[in-house]
């Protein structure tokens, strides 16, 4: 199995830094004898942990030749986003699978490696969405994973989960996580529609939902006001552990619920209620397609990249093409090409 270790910022061998793990070199192919031998030696339980949908197994199988990856590599961006997404999905299961002590150790080790090894690379896709104040980053995808597996929960329950996550984090990670968590969680609470990539949707997205014609513009303005307020309050509490806990368990859910009550008409006049009803809100959900073990595996989904394909672990595109930067687009650009990445490989 993968072993936790300290990894240099730019080693990122197939984004190995993404869980702070050491991954055996696969020589560009998931069918290498080394990988096959390691897979055969795993117990049934270990094989379940190293399933084709796990970031560790994906990284091991799809490790391309040295020198291909870097901060501008589209493949690197995909793997980082995918692995963060899977980590987000796994957080919900931590409390059911581990004791509190094991949970804290597992989480703190993994997230510290994620946050401090990958985030400084500045990886981001070409999406534009109000759920993030920049194109989507690995943290955004971690949050998409967290929300994708969550059953409908109250704001109080969400706040407690986020606080539990923050309580296991170092101060550096808390600083990195605060802005994106505040924005994304508030965005979800308001029920605003995502205009960024949905990992479960193979259809490319455009930015038509991001301009001044957006029928949710009023909700977006409220979101921006709340984000400014929440960040000011949270940063003032950051030095005090108990105060930051109060922010997530009391202030954020209480203040957000008050705004929702106002928007839902509890305290609105007839005219204000009629205007609010014209807005219309859709829930944004994320769920990566489940993949079962078999002779061949196909992994696909929107992770903010232009189409690329790896067949049997061997890139079908050139090194130069893999290293092309992902285009960023503004809300004024309605012709942006986002896309789906499609990787296929054979399970050893």
Protein backbone atom coordinates (compact mmCIF):
# COMPACT_ATOMS: atom_id res chain seq x y z
CA UNK A 1 0.00 0.00 0.00
CA UNK A 2 0.99 3.62 -0.37
CA UNK A 3 3.24 4.95 2.37
CA UNK A 4 2.99 8.43 3.88
CA UNK A 5 6.09 10.51 3.37
CA UNK A 6 7.35 14.05 2.94
CA UNK A 7 7.31 15.09 -0.70
CA UNK A 8 8.92 18.05 -2.41
CA UNK A 9 6.57 20.67 -3.83
CA UNK A 10 7.59 20.02 -7.39
CA UNK A 11 8.20 16.28 -7.31
CA UNK A 12 4.51 15.72 -8.13
CA UNK A 13 5.20 12.45 -9.93
CA UNK A 14 1.72 11.98 -11.36
CA UNK A 15 0.68 14.35 -8.56
CA UNK A 16 1.99 11.97 -5.92
CA UNK A 17 2.05 14.86 -3.47
CA UNK A 18 -1.72 14.81 -3.65
CA UNK A 19 -2.07 12.61 -0.58
CA UNK A 20 1.46 12.81 0.71
CA UNK A 21 2.06 9.30 -0.60
CA UNK A 22 4.97 7.46 -2.18
CA UNK A 23 3.85 5.73 -5.35
CA UNK A 24 5.92 3.00 -7.07
CA UNK A 25 7.16 4.05 -10.48
CA UNK A 26 4.91 2.48 -13.13
CA UNK A 27 7.18 3.30 -16.09
CA UNK A 28 4.35 4.96 -17.95
CA UNK A 29 2.10 1.91 -17.89
CA UNK A 30 -0.32 0.48 -15.37
CA UNK A 31 0.47 -2.97 -16.72
CA UNK A 32 4.09 -2.90 -15.55
CA UNK A 33 5.29 -6.02 -13.64
CA UNK A 34 5.94 -3.91 -10.55
CA UNK A 35 2.35 -2.70 -10.35
CA UNK A 36 0.94 -6.14 -11.12
CA UNK A 37 3.10 -7.72 -8.40
CA UNK A 38 2.05 -5.13 -5.84
CA UNK A 39 -1.62 -5.61 -6.71
CA UNK A 40 -1.38 -9.42 -6.33
CA UNK A 41 0.20 -9.04 -2.90
CA UNK A 42 -2.59 -6.89 -1.53
CA UNK A 43 -5.15 -8.41 0.80
CA UNK A 44 -8.85 -8.22 -0.10
CA UNK A 45 -9.31 -5.35 2.30
CA UNK A 46 -6.31 -3.51 0.89
CA UNK A 47 -7.59 -4.03 -2.66
CA UNK A 48 -10.87 -2.42 -1.66
CA UNK A 49 -8.93 0.57 -0.34
CA UNK A 50 -6.92 0.66 -3.57
CA UNK A 51 -9.95 0.42 -5.85
CA UNK A 52 -9.85 1.94 -9.33
CA UNK A 53 -11.75 4.96 -8.02
CA UNK A 54 -9.17 5.75 -5.33
CA UNK A 55 -6.71 8.56 -6.10
CA UNK A 56 -3.80 6.39 -4.93
CA UNK A 57 -4.56 3.65 -7.42
CA UNK A 58 -5.22 6.10 -10.23
CA UNK A 59 -1.94 7.87 -9.64
CA UNK A 60 -0.05 4.59 -9.51
CA UNK A 61 -1.53 3.37 -12.78
CA UNK A 62 -1.34 6.60 -14.74
CA UNK A 63 2.18 7.73 -13.90
CA UNK A 64 3.61 9.07 -17.18
CA UNK A 65 7.24 9.56 -18.07
CA UNK A 66 9.35 11.89 -15.91
CA UNK A 67 9.45 15.50 -17.03
CA UNK A 68 5.91 15.55 -18.44
CA UNK A 69 4.30 16.97 -15.33
CA UNK A 70 4.50 20.46 -13.94
CA UNK A 71 2.27 23.28 -12.68
CA UNK A 72 1.04 23.92 -16.24
CA UNK A 73 0.40 20.28 -17.13
CA UNK A 74 -3.23 19.50 -17.89
CA UNK A 75 -2.70 15.94 -16.69
CA UNK A 76 -1.28 17.22 -13.41
CA UNK A 77 -4.31 19.48 -12.99
CA UNK A 78 -6.71 16.62 -13.62
CA UNK A 79 -5.04 14.29 -11.15
CA UNK A 80 -4.84 16.93 -8.42
CA UNK A 81 -8.51 17.86 -8.87
CA UNK A 82 -9.59 14.23 -8.99
CA UNK A 83 -7.62 13.26 -5.90
CA UNK A 84 -8.89 16.23 -3.89
CA UNK A 85 -12.42 15.38 -5.02
CA UNK A 86 -12.01 11.81 -3.79
CA UNK A 87 -10.54 13.03 -0.51
CA UNK A 88 -13.59 15.24 -0.04
CA UNK A 89 -15.86 12.26 -0.64
CA UNK A 90 -13.93 10.21 1.92
CA UNK A 91 -14.24 12.72 4.77
CA UNK A 92 -17.84 11.76 5.36
CA UNK A 93 -16.78 8.17 6.05
CA UNK A 94 -13.91 8.95 8.42
CA UNK A 95 -16.09 9.06 11.52
CA UNK A 96 -17.68 5.71 10.66
CA UNK A 97 -14.45 3.87 9.87
CA UNK A 98 -12.01 5.14 12.49
CA UNK A 99 -11.85 6.01 16.15
CA UNK A 100 -11.60 9.72 16.93
CA UNK A 101 -7.84 9.45 17.49
CA UNK A 102 -7.28 7.53 14.24
CA UNK A 103 -9.60 9.92 12.43
CA UNK A 104 -7.64 12.94 13.56
CA UNK A 105 -4.31 11.36 12.63
CA UNK A 106 -5.56 10.24 9.22
CA UNK A 107 -7.14 13.57 8.44
CA UNK A 108 -4.38 15.83 9.72
CA UNK A 109 -1.65 13.88 7.92
CA UNK A 110 -3.52 13.72 4.63
CA UNK A 111 -4.83 17.26 4.55
CA UNK A 112 -1.57 18.80 5.68
CA UNK A 113 0.18 17.00 2.83
CA UNK A 114 -2.52 18.06 0.41
CA UNK A 115 -2.65 21.65 1.53
CA UNK A 116 1.04 22.36 1.89
CA UNK A 117 2.37 20.30 -1.04
CA UNK A 118 -0.14 20.88 -3.82
CA UNK A 119 -1.80 24.23 -3.14
CA UNK A 120 1.39 26.32 -3.57
CA UNK A 121 1.54 25.08 -7.17
CA UNK A 122 -1.43 27.33 -7.95
CA UNK A 123 -3.31 24.68 -9.94
CA UNK A 124 -6.65 25.93 -11.23
CA UNK A 125 -8.91 25.21 -14.17
CA UNK A 126 -10.67 27.50 -16.65
CA UNK A 127 -14.05 27.59 -14.91
CA UNK A 128 -15.80 30.71 -13.77
CA UNK A 129 -18.34 30.24 -10.99
CA UNK A 130 -19.36 32.19 -7.92
CA UNK A 131 -18.64 29.14 -5.74
CA UNK A 132 -14.97 30.17 -5.99
CA UNK A 133 -13.40 33.62 -6.18
CA UNK A 134 -11.05 32.33 -8.89
CA UNK A 135 -11.12 29.44 -11.34
CA UNK A 136 -11.75 26.20 -9.45
CA UNK A 137 -8.78 24.96 -7.41
CA UNK A 138 -8.16 21.56 -5.79
CA UNK A 139 -9.85 22.88 -2.62
CA UNK A 140 -12.96 23.64 -4.68
CA UNK A 141 -13.00 20.05 -5.89
CA UNK A 142 -12.51 18.75 -2.36
CA UNK A 143 -15.61 20.71 -1.37
CA UNK A 144 -17.52 19.37 -4.37
CA UNK A 145 -16.63 15.88 -3.18
CA UNK A 146 -17.75 16.65 0.36
CA UNK A 147 -21.10 18.01 -0.78
CA UNK A 148 -21.58 15.30 -3.38
CA UNK A 149 -21.85 12.47 -0.83
CA UNK A 150 -23.66 14.39 1.87
CA UNK A 151 -27.31 13.75 2.56
CA UNK A 152 -29.41 16.85 2.98
CA UNK A 153 -28.34 18.37 6.29
CA UNK A 154 -29.24 21.45 8.25
CA UNK A 155 -26.92 24.44 8.37
CA UNK A 156 -26.17 23.59 12.00
CA UNK A 157 -25.04 20.10 10.99
CA UNK A 158 -22.93 21.46 8.12
CA UNK A 159 -21.32 24.01 10.44
CA UNK A 160 -20.42 21.30 12.95
CA UNK A 161 -18.86 19.14 10.23
CA UNK A 162 -16.78 22.03 8.93
CA UNK A 163 -15.69 22.93 12.46
CA UNK A 164 -14.63 19.33 13.07
CA UNK A 165 -12.55 19.47 9.91
CA UNK A 166 -10.95 22.78 10.94
CA UNK A 167 -10.22 21.50 14.45
CA UNK A 168 -7.96 18.83 12.92
CA UNK A 169 -6.06 21.30 10.74
CA UNK A 170 -2.88 23.25 11.33
CA UNK A 171 -3.01 27.04 11.34
CA UNK A 172 -1.46 27.14 7.85
CA UNK A 173 -4.18 24.88 6.49
CA UNK A 174 -6.89 26.88 8.29
CA UNK A 175 -5.61 30.06 6.65
CA UNK A 176 -5.66 28.41 3.22
CA UNK A 177 -9.08 26.83 3.74
CA UNK A 178 -11.04 29.71 5.29
CA UNK A 179 -11.86 31.83 2.18
CA UNK A 180 -12.79 28.94 -0.16
CA UNK A 181 -14.77 27.13 2.55
CA UNK A 182 -16.71 30.26 3.51
CA UNK A 183 -17.57 31.05 -0.10
CA UNK A 184 -18.43 27.52 -1.20
CA UNK A 185 -20.50 26.62 1.87
CA UNK A 186 -22.41 29.91 1.69
CA UNK A 187 -22.95 29.41 -2.06
CA UNK A 188 -24.41 25.95 -1.40
CA UNK A 189 -26.54 27.20 1.49
CA UNK A 190 -28.13 29.85 -0.74
CA UNK A 191 -28.86 27.18 -3.37
CA UNK A 192 -27.23 29.07 -6.22
CA UNK A 193 -26.65 27.18 -9.48
CA UNK A 194 -23.08 26.15 -10.32
CA UNK A 195 -21.67 27.29 -13.67
CA UNK A 196 -18.39 25.40 -13.22
CA UNK A 197 -17.59 21.80 -14.09
CA UNK A 198 -19.61 19.02 -12.55
CA UNK A 199 -17.37 15.94 -12.25
CA UNK A 200 -20.34 13.70 -13.09
CA UNK A 201 -21.33 15.58 -16.25
CA UNK A 202 -19.40 14.87 -19.49
CA UNK A 203 -20.99 17.83 -21.29
CA UNK A 204 -18.75 20.92 -21.55
CA UNK A 205 -19.93 24.01 -19.72
CA UNK A 206 -20.04 27.60 -20.88
CA UNK A 207 -20.17 30.87 -18.98
CA UNK A 208 -23.63 31.98 -20.08
CA UNK A 209 -24.85 31.73 -16.50
CA UNK A 210 -22.24 34.17 -15.24
CA UNK A 211 -23.14 37.44 -16.94
CA UNK A 212 -25.50 40.29 -16.10
CA UNK A 213 -28.46 38.36 -17.54
CA UNK A 214 -28.13 35.72 -14.83
CA UNK A 215 -31.57 35.42 -13.16
CA UNK A 216 -29.77 34.64 -9.89
CA UNK A 217 -27.91 37.94 -9.91
CA UNK A 218 -29.70 39.09 -6.76
CA UNK A 219 -28.65 35.95 -4.91
CA UNK A 220 -25.08 36.39 -6.11
CA UNK A 221 -25.01 39.93 -4.72
CA UNK A 222 -26.20 38.62 -1.35
CA UNK A 223 -23.52 35.93 -1.50
CA UNK A 224 -20.79 38.52 -2.03
CA UNK A 225 -22.05 40.57 0.91
CA UNK A 226 -22.13 37.52 3.17
CA UNK A 227 -18.65 36.39 2.10
CA UNK A 228 -17.13 39.76 3.02
CA UNK A 229 -18.92 39.72 6.37
CA UNK A 230 -18.02 36.10 7.15
CA UNK A 231 -14.34 36.51 6.23
CA UNK A 232 -14.00 39.60 8.42
CA UNK A 233 -15.55 37.77 11.37
CA UNK A 234 -13.68 34.49 10.83
CA UNK A 235 -10.24 36.08 10.47
CA UNK A 236 -10.81 38.09 13.64
CA UNK A 237 -11.48 34.78 15.41
CA UNK A 238 -8.66 32.79 13.82
CA UNK A 239 -6.18 33.17 16.69
CA UNK A 240 -8.72 31.88 19.20
CA UNK A 241 -9.64 28.22 18.72
CA UNK A 242 -12.87 28.47 20.71
CA UNK A 243 -13.95 31.62 18.84
CA UNK A 244 -13.39 30.01 15.43
CA UNK A 245 -15.43 27.04 16.61
CA UNK A 246 -18.22 29.45 17.52
CA UNK A 247 -18.05 30.94 14.04
CA UNK A 248 -18.79 27.62 12.30
CA UNK A 249 -21.20 26.16 14.86
CA UNK A 250 -23.17 29.31 15.70
CA UNK A 251 -22.45 32.46 13.71
CA UNK A 252 -22.28 31.06 10.17
CA UNK A 253 -25.40 28.84 10.36
CA UNK A 254 -27.39 31.43 12.31
CA UNK A 255 -26.55 34.35 10.03
CA UNK A 256 -27.05 32.28 6.88
CA UNK A 257 -30.40 30.94 8.08
CA UNK A 258 -31.55 34.48 8.83
CA UNK A 259 -30.71 35.49 5.25
CA UNK A 260 -32.52 32.44 3.88
CA UNK A 261 -35.60 33.25 5.96
CA UNK A 262 -35.59 36.73 4.49
CA UNK A 263 -35.16 35.41 0.94
CA UNK A 264 -37.85 32.76 1.41
CA UNK A 265 -40.38 35.38 2.40
CA UNK A 266 -40.71 34.99 6.15
CA UNK A 267 -40.22 38.73 6.62
CA UNK A 268 -40.99 40.04 3.13
CA UNK A 269 -43.75 42.24 1.85
CA UNK A 270 -45.95 40.90 -0.96
CA UNK A 271 -43.92 42.83 -3.56
CA UNK A 272 -40.60 41.63 -2.14
CA UNK A 273 -41.87 38.05 -2.02
CA UNK A 274 -43.03 38.24 -5.65
CA UNK A 275 -39.58 39.51 -6.69
CA UNK A 276 -37.88 36.74 -4.75
CA UNK A 277 -40.05 34.09 -6.41
CA UNK A 278 -38.86 35.29 -9.82
CA UNK A 279 -35.28 34.39 -8.97
CA UNK A 280 -35.59 30.60 -9.01
CA UNK A 281 -32.91 28.36 -7.49
CA UNK A 282 -31.53 24.98 -8.47
CA UNK A 283 -29.56 22.69 -6.22
CA UNK A 284 -26.06 21.89 -7.44
CA UNK A 285 -24.97 18.30 -6.73
CA UNK A 286 -21.82 16.39 -7.54
CA UNK A 287 -21.24 12.69 -7.81
CA UNK A 288 -18.55 10.96 -9.79
CA UNK A 289 -19.74 7.90 -11.65
CA UNK A 290 -19.00 4.70 -9.74
CA UNK A 291 -16.53 2.37 -11.42
CA UNK A 292 -16.28 -1.35 -10.75
CA UNK A 293 -13.22 -3.51 -11.12
CA UNK A 294 -12.99 -5.34 -14.42
CA UNK A 295 -10.70 -5.97 -17.36
CA UNK A 296 -10.86 -2.39 -18.55
CA UNK A 297 -11.67 0.79 -16.71
CA UNK A 298 -12.79 4.15 -18.04
CA UNK A 299 -12.68 7.23 -15.86
CA UNK A 300 -14.34 10.35 -17.15
CA UNK A 301 -15.82 13.53 -15.85
CA UNK A 302 -15.55 17.28 -15.92
CA UNK A 303 -12.50 18.45 -14.03
CA UNK A 304 -11.97 21.70 -15.90
CA UNK A 305 -9.75 20.43 -18.70
CA UNK A 306 -9.75 20.27 -22.46
CA UNK A 307 -10.18 16.74 -23.84
CA UNK A 308 -7.22 14.42 -23.47
CA UNK A 309 -6.88 10.65 -23.32
CA UNK A 310 -4.51 8.09 -21.87
CA UNK A 311 -4.85 4.55 -23.19
CA UNK A 312 -3.25 1.83 -21.13
CA UNK A 313 -1.36 4.47 -19.17
CA UNK A 314 0.39 5.80 -22.29
CA UNK A 315 -0.36 9.41 -23.30
CA UNK A 316 -1.97 9.71 -26.70
CA UNK A 317 -0.98 13.35 -26.78
CA UNK A 318 2.49 14.78 -27.01
CA UNK A 319 4.52 16.04 -24.08
CA UNK A 320 4.10 19.59 -25.34
CA UNK A 321 0.34 19.14 -25.64
CA UNK A 322 0.09 17.76 -22.11
CA UNK A 323 1.92 20.80 -20.80
CA UNK A 324 -0.40 23.30 -22.45
CA UNK A 325 -1.88 25.65 -19.93
CA UNK A 326 -5.60 25.51 -19.28
CA UNK A 327 -7.30 28.67 -20.60
CA UNK A 328 -8.94 30.98 -18.11
CA UNK A 329 -12.06 32.82 -19.14
CA UNK A 330 -13.92 35.79 -17.83
CA UNK A 331 -17.70 36.07 -17.35
CA UNK A 332 -17.81 38.15 -20.51
CA UNK A 333 -16.48 35.27 -22.62
CA UNK A 334 -19.35 32.99 -23.63
CA UNK A 335 -17.34 30.88 -26.06
CA UNK A 336 -14.95 29.22 -23.63
CA UNK A 337 -14.12 25.56 -24.25
CA UNK A 338 -14.12 23.55 -21.08
CA UNK A 339 -14.21 19.85 -21.37
CA UNK A 340 -14.11 16.29 -20.24
CA UNK A 341 -11.06 14.20 -19.68
CA UNK A 342 -11.24 10.55 -20.59
CA UNK A 343 -8.70 8.07 -19.24
CA UNK A 344 -8.81 4.34 -19.88
CA UNK A 345 -6.50 1.69 -18.53
CA UNK A 346 -6.42 -2.00 -17.72
CA UNK A 347 -6.58 -3.18 -14.12
CA UNK A 348 -3.65 -5.46 -13.27
